[in-house]
Amino acid sequence: AAHELIRPYIHLTPVLTSSYINSLTGAELYFKCENFQKAGAF
């Protein structure tokens, strides 16, 4: 219900990856970028 209510007021934020950081950590990382959200935060 919250998602339907707030959808007009938020961004669907992207998920980014970094092959360099993956190689550094040995994990497959997916960064959910709420830094791109409205007002700059989740």
PDB file of all heavy atoms in Angstrom:
ATOM      1  N   ALA A   1       0.836  -1.206   0.000  1.00  0.00           N
ATOM      2  CA  ALA A   1       0.000   0.000   0.000  1.00  0.00           C
ATOM      3  C   ALA A   1       0.867   1.251   0.000  1.00  0.00           C
ATOM      4  O   ALA A   1       0.572   2.236  -0.695  1.00  0.00           O
ATOM      5  CB  ALA A   1      -0.926  -0.011   1.216  1.00  0.00           C
ATOM      6  N   ALA A   2       1.951   1.207   0.776  1.00  0.00           N
ATOM      7  CA  ALA A   2       2.868   2.343   0.824  1.00  0.00           C
ATOM      8  C   ALA A   2       3.473   2.613  -0.549  1.00  0.00           C
ATOM      9  O   ALA A   2       3.580   3.771  -0.979  1.00  0.00           O
ATOM     10  CB  ALA A   2       3.971   2.085   1.844  1.00  0.00           C
ATOM     11  N   HIS A   3       3.856   1.557  -1.247  1.00  0.00           N
ATOM     12  CA  HIS A   3       4.494   1.727  -2.555  1.00  0.00           C
ATOM     13  C   HIS A   3       3.544   2.403  -3.542  1.00  0.00           C
ATOM     14  O   HIS A   3       3.952   3.281  -4.317  1.00  0.00           O
ATOM     15  CB  HIS A   3       4.954   0.373  -3.085  1.00  0.00           C
ATOM     16  CG  HIS A   3       6.234   0.445  -3.860  1.00  0.00           C
ATOM     17  ND1 HIS A   3       6.884  -0.664  -4.352  1.00  0.00           N
ATOM     18  CD2 HIS A   3       7.009   1.497  -4.241  1.00  0.00           C
ATOM     19  CE1 HIS A   3       7.983  -0.297  -4.978  1.00  0.00           C
ATOM     20  NE2 HIS A   3       8.076   1.011  -4.925  1.00  0.00           N
ATOM     21  N   GLU A   4       2.284   2.016  -3.510  1.00  0.00           N
ATOM     22  CA  GLU A   4       1.309   2.648  -4.395  1.00  0.00           C
ATOM     23  C   GLU A   4       1.102   4.115  -4.029  1.00  0.00           C
ATOM     24  O   GLU A   4       0.988   4.982  -4.899  1.00  0.00           O
ATOM     25  CB  GLU A   4      -0.016   1.897  -4.330  1.00  0.00           C
ATOM     26  CG  GLU A   4       0.006   0.548  -5.031  1.00  0.00           C
ATOM     27  CD  GLU A   4       0.474   0.663  -6.486  1.00  0.00           C
ATOM     28  OE1 GLU A   4      -0.108   1.485  -7.241  1.00  0.00           O
ATOM     29  OE2 GLU A   4       1.423  -0.048  -6.875  1.00  0.00           O
ATOM     30  N   LEU A   5       1.071   4.403  -2.720  1.00  0.00           N
ATOM     31  CA  LEU A   5       0.820   5.761  -2.259  1.00  0.00           C
ATOM     32  C   LEU A   5       1.962   6.703  -2.617  1.00  0.00           C
ATOM     33  O   LEU A   5       1.746   7.843  -3.059  1.00  0.00           O
ATOM     34  CB  LEU A   5       0.603   5.760  -0.741  1.00  0.00           C
ATOM     35  CG  LEU A   5       0.341   7.115  -0.076  1.00  0.00           C
ATOM     36  CD1 LEU A   5      -0.977   7.709  -0.562  1.00  0.00           C
ATOM     37  CD2 LEU A   5       0.325   6.963   1.441  1.00  0.00           C
ATOM     38  N   ILE A   6       3.199   6.244  -2.460  1.00  0.00           N
ATOM     39  CA  ILE A   6       4.350   7.143  -2.601  1.00  0.00           C
ATOM     40  C   ILE A   6       4.958   7.146  -3.998  1.00  0.00           C
ATOM     41  O   ILE A   6       5.824   7.976  -4.298  1.00  0.00           O
ATOM     42  CB  ILE A   6       5.455   6.809  -1.577  1.00  0.00           C
ATOM     43  CG1 ILE A   6       6.127   5.456  -1.896  1.00  0.00           C
ATOM     44  CG2 ILE A   6       4.898   6.832  -0.168  1.00  0.00           C
ATOM     45  CD1 ILE A   6       7.279   5.110  -0.944  1.00  0.00           C
ATOM     46  N   ARG A   7       4.500   6.269  -4.858  1.00  0.00           N
ATOM     47  CA  ARG A   7       5.120   6.143  -6.181  1.00  0.00           C
ATOM     48  C   ARG A   7       5.247   7.470  -6.934  1.00  0.00           C
ATOM     49  O   ARG A   7       6.259   7.717  -7.595  1.00  0.00           O
ATOM     50  CB  ARG A   7       4.343   5.117  -7.023  1.00  0.00           C
ATOM     51  CG  ARG A   7       5.189   4.457  -8.104  1.00  0.00           C
ATOM     52  CD  ARG A   7       4.362   3.441  -8.892  1.00  0.00           C
ATOM     53  NE  ARG A   7       3.897   2.335  -8.085  1.00  0.00           N
ATOM     54  CZ  ARG A   7       4.605   1.241  -7.821  1.00  0.00           C
ATOM     55  NH1 ARG A   7       5.828   1.123  -8.311  1.00  0.00           N
ATOM     56  NH2 ARG A   7       4.090   0.278  -7.087  1.00  0.00           N
ATOM     57  N   PRO A   8       4.253   8.378  -6.848  1.00  0.00           N
ATOM     58  CA  PRO A   8       4.404   9.654  -7.581  1.00  0.00           C
ATOM     59  C   PRO A   8       5.477  10.574  -7.003  1.00  0.00           C
ATOM     60  O   PRO A   8       5.854  11.550  -7.646  1.00  0.00           O
ATOM     61  CB  PRO A   8       3.015  10.304  -7.441  1.00  0.00           C
ATOM     62  CG  PRO A   8       2.090   9.200  -7.074  1.00  0.00           C
ATOM     63  CD  PRO A   8       2.902   8.247  -6.257  1.00  0.00           C
ATOM     64  N   TYR A   9       5.958  10.272  -5.795  1.00  0.00           N
ATOM     65  CA  TYR A   9       6.843  11.198  -5.094  1.00  0.00           C
ATOM     66  C   TYR A   9       8.258  10.673  -4.924  1.00  0.00           C
ATOM     67  O   TYR A   9       9.097  11.343  -4.320  1.00  0.00           O
ATOM     68  CB  TYR A   9       6.252  11.526  -3.722  1.00  0.00           C
ATOM     69  CG  TYR A   9       4.810  11.930  -3.799  1.00  0.00           C
ATOM     70  CD1 TYR A   9       3.800  11.059  -3.404  1.00  0.00           C
ATOM     71  CD2 TYR A   9       4.449  13.177  -4.325  1.00  0.00           C
ATOM     72  CE1 TYR A   9       2.470  11.413  -3.508  1.00  0.00           C
ATOM     73  CE2 TYR A   9       3.117  13.533  -4.437  1.00  0.00           C
ATOM     74  CZ  TYR A   9       2.130  12.649  -4.024  1.00  0.00           C
ATOM     75  OH  TYR A   9       0.808  13.009  -4.142  1.00  0.00           O
ATOM     76  N   ILE A  10       8.558   9.484  -5.452  1.00  0.00           N
ATOM     77  CA  ILE A  10       9.889   8.894  -5.306  1.00  0.00           C
ATOM     78  C   ILE A  10      10.426   8.460  -6.665  1.00  0.00           C
ATOM     79  O   ILE A  10       9.677   8.347  -7.642  1.00  0.00           O
ATOM     80  CB  ILE A  10       9.877   7.670  -4.360  1.00  0.00           C
ATOM     81  CG1 ILE A  10       9.037   6.525  -4.962  1.00  0.00           C
ATOM     82  CG2 ILE A  10       9.378   8.047  -2.975  1.00  0.00           C
ATOM     83  CD1 ILE A  10       9.187   5.194  -4.232  1.00  0.00           C
ATOM     84  N   HIS A  11      11.722   8.213  -6.703  1.00  0.00           N
ATOM     85  CA  HIS A  11      12.351   7.597  -7.868  1.00  0.00           C
ATOM     86  C   HIS A  11      12.435   6.085  -7.675  1.00  0.00           C
ATOM     87  O   HIS A  11      12.629   5.613  -6.548  1.00  0.00           O
ATOM     88  CB  HIS A  11      13.788   8.096  -8.055  1.00  0.00           C
ATOM     89  CG  HIS A  11      13.907   9.518  -8.490  1.00  0.00           C
ATOM     90  ND1 HIS A  11      13.190  10.050  -9.544  1.00  0.00           N
ATOM     91  CD2 HIS A  11      14.695  10.527  -8.018  1.00  0.00           C
ATOM     92  CE1 HIS A  11      13.518  11.320  -9.702  1.00  0.00           C
ATOM     93  NE2 HIS A  11      14.424  11.630  -8.796  1.00  0.00           N
ATOM     94  N   LEU A  12      12.297   5.348  -8.761  1.00  0.00           N
ATOM     95  CA  LEU A  12      12.737   3.959  -8.787  1.00  0.00           C
ATOM     96  C   LEU A  12      14.244   4.022  -9.001  1.00  0.00           C
ATOM     97  O   LEU A  12      14.718   4.241 -10.112  1.00  0.00           O
ATOM     98  CB  LEU A  12      12.057   3.189  -9.921  1.00  0.00           C
ATOM     99  CG  LEU A  12      12.590   1.775 -10.209  1.00  0.00           C
ATOM    100  CD1 LEU A  12      12.461   0.873  -8.992  1.00  0.00           C
ATOM    101  CD2 LEU A  12      11.863   1.166 -11.409  1.00  0.00           C
ATOM    102  N   THR A  13      14.994   3.877  -7.923  1.00  0.00           N
ATOM    103  CA  THR A  13      16.436   4.109  -7.998  1.00  0.00           C
ATOM    104  C   THR A  13      17.149   2.940  -8.687  1.00  0.00           C
ATOM    105  O   THR A  13      16.727   1.791  -8.578  1.00  0.00           O
ATOM    106  CB  THR A  13      17.028   4.333  -6.603  1.00  0.00           C
ATOM    107  OG1 THR A  13      16.642   3.261  -5.737  1.00  0.00           O
ATOM    108  CG2 THR A  13      16.540   5.650  -6.024  1.00  0.00           C
ATOM    109  N   PRO A  14      18.244   3.237  -9.375  1.00  0.00           N
ATOM    110  CA  PRO A  14      18.949   2.197 -10.129  1.00  0.00           C
ATOM    111  C   PRO A  14      19.778   1.291  -9.232  1.00  0.00           C
ATOM    112  O   PRO A  14      20.101   1.626  -8.087  1.00  0.00           O
ATOM    113  CB  PRO A  14      19.852   3.001 -11.065  1.00  0.00           C
ATOM    114  CG  PRO A  14      20.137   4.254 -10.303  1.00  0.00           C
ATOM    115  CD  PRO A  14      18.863   4.571  -9.559  1.00  0.00           C
ATOM    116  N   VAL A  15      20.159   0.151  -9.776  1.00  0.00           N
ATOM    117  CA  VAL A  15      21.118  -0.757  -9.165  1.00  0.00           C
ATOM    118  C   VAL A  15      22.364  -0.754 -10.045  1.00  0.00           C
ATOM    119  O   VAL A  15      22.288  -1.052 -11.241  1.00  0.00           O
ATOM    120  CB  VAL A  15      20.552  -2.180  -9.035  1.00  0.00           C
ATOM    121  CG1 VAL A  15      21.625  -3.137  -8.508  1.00  0.00           C
ATOM    122  CG2 VAL A  15      19.328  -2.191  -8.116  1.00  0.00           C
ATOM    123  N   LEU A  16      23.509  -0.398  -9.464  1.00  0.00           N
ATOM    124  CA  LEU A  16      24.759  -0.321 -10.206  1.00  0.00           C
ATOM    125  C   LEU A  16      25.728  -1.404  -9.743  1.00  0.00           C
ATOM    126  O   LEU A  16      25.600  -1.945  -8.642  1.00  0.00           O
ATOM    127  CB  LEU A  16      25.410   1.050 -10.028  1.00  0.00           C
ATOM    128  CG  LEU A  16      24.588   2.270 -10.460  1.00  0.00           C
ATOM    129  CD1 LEU A  16      25.404   3.541 -10.270  1.00  0.00           C
ATOM    130  CD2 LEU A  16      24.114   2.138 -11.900  1.00  0.00           C
ATOM    131  N   THR A  17      26.698  -1.714 -10.598  1.00  0.00           N
ATOM    132  CA  THR A  17      27.724  -2.703 -10.272  1.00  0.00           C
ATOM    133  C   THR A  17      29.103  -2.139 -10.593  1.00  0.00           C
ATOM    134  O   THR A  17      29.235  -1.153 -11.322  1.00  0.00           O
ATOM    135  CB  THR A  17      27.526  -4.002 -11.069  1.00  0.00           C
ATOM    136  OG1 THR A  17      27.610  -3.702 -12.473  1.00  0.00           O
ATOM    137  CG2 THR A  17      26.178  -4.642 -10.770  1.00  0.00           C
ATOM    138  N   SER A  18      30.127  -2.788 -10.041  1.00  0.00           N
ATOM    139  CA  SER A  18      31.510  -2.405 -10.322  1.00  0.00           C
ATOM    140  C   SER A  18      32.355  -3.664 -10.412  1.00  0.00           C
ATOM    141  O   SER A  18      32.518  -4.379  -9.419  1.00  0.00           O
ATOM    142  CB  SER A  18      32.060  -1.499  -9.222  1.00  0.00           C
ATOM    143  OG  SER A  18      33.459  -1.374  -9.328  1.00  0.00           O
ATOM    144  N   SER A  19      32.883  -3.949 -11.589  1.00  0.00           N
ATOM    145  CA  SER A  19      33.719  -5.139 -11.748  1.00  0.00           C
ATOM    146  C   SER A  19      34.985  -5.021 -10.908  1.00  0.00           C
ATOM    147  O   SER A  19      35.470  -6.027 -10.371  1.00  0.00           O
ATOM    148  CB  SER A  19      34.063  -5.360 -13.227  1.00  0.00           C
ATOM    149  OG  SER A  19      34.725  -4.214 -13.762  1.00  0.00           O
ATOM    150  N   TYR A  20      35.501  -3.806 -10.761  1.00  0.00           N
ATOM    151  CA  TYR A  20      36.697  -3.621  -9.941  1.00  0.00           C
ATOM    152  C   TYR A  20      36.411  -3.965  -8.473  1.00  0.00           C
ATOM    153  O   TYR A  20      37.184  -4.687  -7.832  1.00  0.00           O
ATOM    154  CB  TYR A  20      37.210  -2.184 -10.033  1.00  0.00           C
ATOM    155  CG  TYR A  20      38.364  -1.926  -9.096  1.00  0.00           C
ATOM    156  CD1 TYR A  20      39.665  -2.277  -9.451  1.00  0.00           C
ATOM    157  CD2 TYR A  20      38.156  -1.353  -7.835  1.00  0.00           C
ATOM    158  CE1 TYR A  20      40.729  -2.071  -8.589  1.00  0.00           C
ATOM    159  CE2 TYR A  20      39.214  -1.145  -6.962  1.00  0.00           C
ATOM    160  CZ  TYR A  20      40.493  -1.505  -7.341  1.00  0.00           C
ATOM    161  OH  TYR A  20      41.537  -1.310  -6.477  1.00  0.00           O
ATOM    162  N   ILE A  21      35.313  -3.448  -7.938  1.00  0.00           N
ATOM    163  CA  ILE A  21      34.996  -3.717  -6.531  1.00  0.00           C
ATOM    164  C   ILE A  21      34.632  -5.183  -6.334  1.00  0.00           C
ATOM    165  O   ILE A  21      34.949  -5.785  -5.304  1.00  0.00           O
ATOM    166  CB  ILE A  21      33.894  -2.768  -6.033  1.00  0.00           C
ATOM    167  CG1 ILE A  21      34.393  -1.317  -6.112  1.00  0.00           C
ATOM    168  CG2 ILE A  21      33.487  -3.105  -4.596  1.00  0.00           C
ATOM    169  CD1 ILE A  21      33.382  -0.270  -5.705  1.00  0.00           C
ATOM    170  N   ASN A  22      34.021  -5.790  -7.325  1.00  0.00           N
ATOM    171  CA  ASN A  22      33.768  -7.235  -7.243  1.00  0.00           C
ATOM    172  C   ASN A  22      35.078  -8.015  -7.121  1.00  0.00           C
ATOM    173  O   ASN A  22      35.212  -8.924  -6.300  1.00  0.00           O
ATOM    174  CB  ASN A  22      33.009  -7.711  -8.482  1.00  0.00           C
ATOM    175  CG  ASN A  22      31.533  -7.343  -8.452  1.00  0.00           C
ATOM    176  OD1 ASN A  22      31.035  -6.828  -7.454  1.00  0.00           O
ATOM    177  ND2 ASN A  22      30.844  -7.603  -9.552  1.00  0.00           N
ATOM    178  N   SER A  23      36.057  -7.649  -7.939  1.00  0.00           N
ATOM    179  CA  SER A  23      37.340  -8.358  -7.897  1.00  0.00           C
ATOM    180  C   SER A  23      38.064  -8.097  -6.577  1.00  0.00           C
ATOM    181  O   SER A  23      38.747  -8.974  -6.040  1.00  0.00           O
ATOM    182  CB  SER A  23      38.223  -7.949  -9.079  1.00  0.00           C
ATOM    183  OG  SER A  23      38.590  -6.584  -8.997  1.00  0.00           O
ATOM    184  N   LEU A  24      37.894  -6.908  -6.034  1.00  0.00           N
ATOM    185  CA  LEU A  24      38.522  -6.554  -4.767  1.00  0.00           C
ATOM    186  C   LEU A  24      37.944  -7.354  -3.607  1.00  0.00           C
ATOM    187  O   LEU A  24      38.668  -7.804  -2.715  1.00  0.00           O
ATOM    188  CB  LEU A  24      38.344  -5.053  -4.510  1.00  0.00           C
ATOM    189  CG  LEU A  24      38.897  -4.508  -3.194  1.00  0.00           C
ATOM    190  CD1 LEU A  24      40.417  -4.500  -3.219  1.00  0.00           C
ATOM    191  CD2 LEU A  24      38.358  -3.103  -2.946  1.00  0.00           C
ATOM    192  N   THR A  25      36.634  -7.561  -3.617  1.00  0.00           N
ATOM    193  CA  THR A  25      35.957  -8.196  -2.490  1.00  0.00           C
ATOM    194  C   THR A  25      35.739  -9.697  -2.658  1.00  0.00           C
ATOM    195  O   THR A  25      35.488 -10.403  -1.682  1.00  0.00           O
ATOM    196  CB  THR A  25      34.580  -7.544  -2.258  1.00  0.00           C
ATOM    197  OG1 THR A  25      33.769  -7.711  -3.445  1.00  0.00           O
ATOM    198  CG2 THR A  25      34.720  -6.060  -1.959  1.00  0.00           C
ATOM    199  N   GLY A  26      35.815 -10.185  -3.893  1.00  0.00           N
ATOM    200  CA  GLY A  26      35.516 -11.592  -4.138  1.00  0.00           C
ATOM    201  C   GLY A  26      34.045 -11.913  -4.080  1.00  0.00           C
ATOM    202  O   GLY A  26      33.644 -13.087  -3.989  1.00  0.00           O
ATOM    203  N   ALA A  27      33.204 -10.873  -4.134  1.00  0.00           N
ATOM    204  CA  ALA A  27      31.747 -11.054  -4.104  1.00  0.00           C
ATOM    205  C   ALA A  27      31.130 -10.371  -5.324  1.00  0.00           C
ATOM    206  O   ALA A  27      31.763  -9.529  -5.981  1.00  0.00           O
ATOM    207  CB  ALA A  27      31.167 -10.469  -2.817  1.00  0.00           C
ATOM    208  N   GLU A  28      29.900 -10.737  -5.611  1.00  0.00           N
ATOM    209  CA  GLU A  28      29.151 -10.130  -6.714  1.00  0.00           C
ATOM    210  C   GLU A  28      28.198  -9.110  -6.096  1.00  0.00           C
ATOM    211  O   GLU A  28      27.196  -9.482  -5.483  1.00  0.00           O
ATOM    212  CB  GLU A  28      28.378 -11.222  -7.473  1.00  0.00           C
ATOM    213  CG  GLU A  28      27.745 -10.784  -8.766  1.00  0.00           C
ATOM    214  CD  GLU A  28      27.068 -11.947  -9.489  1.00  0.00           C
ATOM    215  OE1 GLU A  28      27.425 -13.116  -9.223  1.00  0.00           O
ATOM    216  OE2 GLU A  28      26.169 -11.673 -10.312  1.00  0.00           O
ATOM    217  N   LEU A  29      28.541  -7.840  -6.232  1.00  0.00           N
ATOM    218  CA  LEU A  29      27.856  -6.789  -5.484  1.00  0.00           C
ATOM    219  C   LEU A  29      26.906  -5.980  -6.374  1.00  0.00           C
ATOM    220  O   LEU A  29      27.237  -5.630  -7.511  1.00  0.00           O
ATOM    221  CB  LEU A  29      28.886  -5.842  -4.856  1.00  0.00           C
ATOM    222  CG  LEU A  29      29.950  -6.495  -3.970  1.00  0.00           C
ATOM    223  CD1 LEU A  29      30.870  -5.427  -3.378  1.00  0.00           C
ATOM    224  CD2 LEU A  29      29.316  -7.340  -2.865  1.00  0.00           C
ATOM    225  N   TYR A  30      25.744  -5.671  -5.790  1.00  0.00           N
ATOM    226  CA  TYR A  30      24.720  -4.888  -6.472  1.00  0.00           C
ATOM    227  C   TYR A  30      24.340  -3.712  -5.575  1.00  0.00           C
ATOM    228  O   TYR A  30      23.772  -3.906  -4.500  1.00  0.00           O
ATOM    229  CB  TYR A  30      23.501  -5.757  -6.790  1.00  0.00           C
ATOM    230  CG  TYR A  30      23.825  -6.857  -7.773  1.00  0.00           C
ATOM    231  CD1 TYR A  30      24.349  -8.077  -7.335  1.00  0.00           C
ATOM    232  CD2 TYR A  30      23.648  -6.666  -9.142  1.00  0.00           C
ATOM    233  CE1 TYR A  30      24.682  -9.077  -8.239  1.00  0.00           C
ATOM    234  CE2 TYR A  30      23.977  -7.662 -10.050  1.00  0.00           C
ATOM    235  CZ  TYR A  30      24.489  -8.868  -9.586  1.00  0.00           C
ATOM    236  OH  TYR A  30      24.820  -9.852 -10.486  1.00  0.00           O
ATOM    237  N   PHE A  31      24.662  -2.501  -6.020  1.00  0.00           N
ATOM    238  CA  PHE A  31      24.493  -1.294  -5.212  1.00  0.00           C
ATOM    239  C   PHE A  31      23.145  -0.637  -5.526  1.00  0.00           C
ATOM    240  O   PHE A  31      22.946  -0.107  -6.619  1.00  0.00           O
ATOM    241  CB  PHE A  31      25.620  -0.301  -5.494  1.00  0.00           C
ATOM    242  CG  PHE A  31      26.988  -0.776  -5.103  1.00  0.00           C
ATOM    243  CD1 PHE A  31      27.715  -1.633  -5.943  1.00  0.00           C
ATOM    244  CD2 PHE A  31      27.563  -0.381  -3.901  1.00  0.00           C
ATOM    245  CE1 PHE A  31      28.992  -2.071  -5.601  1.00  0.00           C
ATOM    246  CE2 PHE A  31      28.839  -0.817  -3.551  1.00  0.00           C
ATOM    247  CZ  PHE A  31      29.553  -1.662  -4.387  1.00  0.00           C
ATOM    248  N   LYS A  32      22.231  -0.683  -4.571  1.00  0.00           N
ATOM    249  CA  LYS A  32      20.934  -0.019  -4.712  1.00  0.00           C
ATOM    250  C   LYS A  32      21.116   1.449  -4.334  1.00  0.00           C
ATOM    251  O   LYS A  32      21.350   1.790  -3.178  1.00  0.00           O
ATOM    252  CB  LYS A  32      19.907  -0.696  -3.805  1.00  0.00           C
ATOM    253  CG  LYS A  32      18.517  -0.041  -3.786  1.00  0.00           C
ATOM    254  CD  LYS A  32      17.794  -0.117  -5.114  1.00  0.00           C
ATOM    255  CE  LYS A  32      16.317   0.283  -4.928  1.00  0.00           C
ATOM    256  NZ  LYS A  32      15.668   0.565  -6.235  1.00  0.00           N
ATOM    257  N   CYS A  33      21.011   2.336  -5.326  1.00  0.00           N
ATOM    258  CA  CYS A  33      21.507   3.703  -5.202  1.00  0.00           C
ATOM    259  C   CYS A  33      20.434   4.689  -4.718  1.00  0.00           C
ATOM    260  O   CYS A  33      19.899   5.494  -5.493  1.00  0.00           O
ATOM    261  CB  CYS A  33      22.096   4.158  -6.527  1.00  0.00           C
ATOM    262  SG  CYS A  33      23.600   3.264  -6.963  1.00  0.00           S
ATOM    263  N   GLU A  34      20.177   4.651  -3.425  1.00  0.00           N
ATOM    264  CA  GLU A  34      19.244   5.619  -2.842  1.00  0.00           C
ATOM    265  C   GLU A  34      19.862   7.005  -2.717  1.00  0.00           C
ATOM    266  O   GLU A  34      19.164   7.965  -2.372  1.00  0.00           O
ATOM    267  CB  GLU A  34      18.767   5.115  -1.481  1.00  0.00           C
ATOM    268  CG  GLU A  34      17.824   3.934  -1.562  1.00  0.00           C
ATOM    269  CD  GLU A  34      16.501   4.291  -2.222  1.00  0.00           C
ATOM    270  OE1 GLU A  34      15.674   4.975  -1.585  1.00  0.00           O
ATOM    271  OE2 GLU A  34      16.293   3.888  -3.391  1.00  0.00           O
ATOM    272  N   ASN A  35      21.143   7.128  -3.005  1.00  0.00           N
ATOM    273  CA  ASN A  35      21.746   8.458  -3.123  1.00  0.00           C
ATOM    274  C   ASN A  35      21.165   9.221  -4.309  1.00  0.00           C
ATOM    275  O   ASN A  35      21.272  10.446  -4.373  1.00  0.00           O
ATOM    276  CB  ASN A  35      23.266   8.362  -3.254  1.00  0.00           C
ATOM    277  CG  ASN A  35      23.708   7.445  -4.378  1.00  0.00           C
ATOM    278  OD1 ASN A  35      23.216   6.316  -4.493  1.00  0.00           O
ATOM    279  ND2 ASN A  35      24.646   7.885  -5.197  1.00  0.00           N
ATOM    280  N   PHE A  36      20.505   8.512  -5.244  1.00  0.00           N
ATOM    281  CA  PHE A  36      19.820   9.149  -6.367  1.00  0.00           C
ATOM    282  C   PHE A  36      18.336   9.386  -6.074  1.00  0.00           C
ATOM    283  O   PHE A  36      17.587   9.803  -6.958  1.00  0.00           O
ATOM    284  CB  PHE A  36      19.937   8.281  -7.629  1.00  0.00           C
ATOM    285  CG  PHE A  36      21.340   8.156  -8.162  1.00  0.00           C
ATOM    286  CD1 PHE A  36      21.747   6.996  -8.802  1.00  0.00           C
ATOM    287  CD2 PHE A  36      22.249   9.192  -8.042  1.00  0.00           C
ATOM    288  CE1 PHE A  36      23.031   6.864  -9.307  1.00  0.00           C
ATOM    289  CE2 PHE A  36      23.536   9.074  -8.549  1.00  0.00           C
ATOM    290  CZ  PHE A  36      23.936   7.909  -9.184  1.00  0.00           C
ATOM    291  N   GLN A  37      17.918   9.094  -4.865  1.00  0.00           N
ATOM    292  CA  GLN A  37      16.513   9.239  -4.500  1.00  0.00           C
ATOM    293  C   GLN A  37      16.127  10.711  -4.392  1.00  0.00           C
ATOM    294  O   GLN A  37      16.987  11.587  -4.236  1.00  0.00           O
ATOM    295  CB  GLN A  37      16.255   8.527  -3.163  1.00  0.00           C
ATOM    296  CG  GLN A  37      14.803   8.430  -2.726  1.00  0.00           C
ATOM    297  CD  GLN A  37      13.914   7.843  -3.795  1.00  0.00           C
ATOM    298  OE1 GLN A  37      13.296   8.586  -4.570  1.00  0.00           O
ATOM    299  NE2 GLN A  37      13.847   6.512  -3.870  1.00  0.00           N
ATOM    300  N   LYS A  38      14.842  11.013  -4.482  1.00  0.00           N
ATOM    301  CA  LYS A  38      14.365  12.360  -4.186  1.00  0.00           C
ATOM    302  C   LYS A  38      14.919  12.789  -2.829  1.00  0.00           C
ATOM    303  O   LYS A  38      14.988  11.981  -1.896  1.00  0.00           O
ATOM    304  CB  LYS A  38      12.838  12.383  -4.135  1.00  0.00           C
ATOM    305  CG  LYS A  38      12.140  12.055  -5.432  1.00  0.00           C
ATOM    306  CD  LYS A  38      12.118  13.231  -6.394  1.00  0.00           C
ATOM    307  CE  LYS A  38      11.199  12.955  -7.579  1.00  0.00           C
ATOM    308  NZ  LYS A  38      11.127  14.106  -8.495  1.00  0.00           N
ATOM    309  N   ALA A  39      15.302  14.029  -2.712  1.00  0.00           N
ATOM    310  CA  ALA A  39      15.893  14.584  -1.490  1.00  0.00           C
ATOM    311  C   ALA A  39      17.222  13.933  -1.136  1.00  0.00           C
ATOM    312  O   ALA A  39      17.784  14.197  -0.083  1.00  0.00           O
ATOM    313  CB  ALA A  39      14.928  14.497  -0.303  1.00  0.00           C
ATOM    314  N   GLY A  40      17.733  13.066  -2.003  1.00  0.00           N
ATOM    315  CA  GLY A  40      19.065  12.511  -1.835  1.00  0.00           C
ATOM    316  C   GLY A  40      19.194  11.408  -0.809  1.00  0.00           C
ATOM    317  O   GLY A  40      20.319  11.078  -0.400  1.00  0.00           O
ATOM    318  N   ALA A  41      18.081  10.786  -0.402  1.00  0.00           N
ATOM    319  CA  ALA A  41      18.179   9.747   0.626  1.00  0.00           C
ATOM    320  C   ALA A  41      16.941   8.862   0.637  1.00  0.00           C
ATOM    321  O   ALA A  41      15.835   9.300   0.306  1.00  0.00           O
ATOM    322  CB  ALA A  41      18.371  10.361   2.009  1.00  0.00           C
ATOM    323  N   PHE A  42      17.136   7.615   1.077  1.00  0.00           N
ATOM    324  CA  PHE A  42      16.042   6.644   1.158  1.00  0.00           C
ATOM    325  C   PHE A  42      14.904   7.121   2.048  1.00  0.00           C
ATOM    326  O   PHE A  42      13.757   6.694   1.896  1.00  0.00           O
ATOM    327  CB  PHE A  42      16.565   5.303   1.696  1.00  0.00           C
ATOM    328  CG  PHE A  42      16.782   5.269   3.192  1.00  0.00           C
ATOM    329  CD1 PHE A  42      15.793   4.784   4.036  1.00  0.00           C
ATOM    330  CD2 PHE A  42      17.964   5.714   3.757  1.00  0.00           C
ATOM    331  CE1 PHE A  42      15.981   4.755   5.415  1.00  0.00           C
ATOM    332  CE2 PHE A  42      18.168   5.690   5.117  1.00  0.00           C
ATOM    333  CZ  PHE A  42      17.167   5.201   5.963  1.00  0.00           C
TER     334      PHE A  42
END
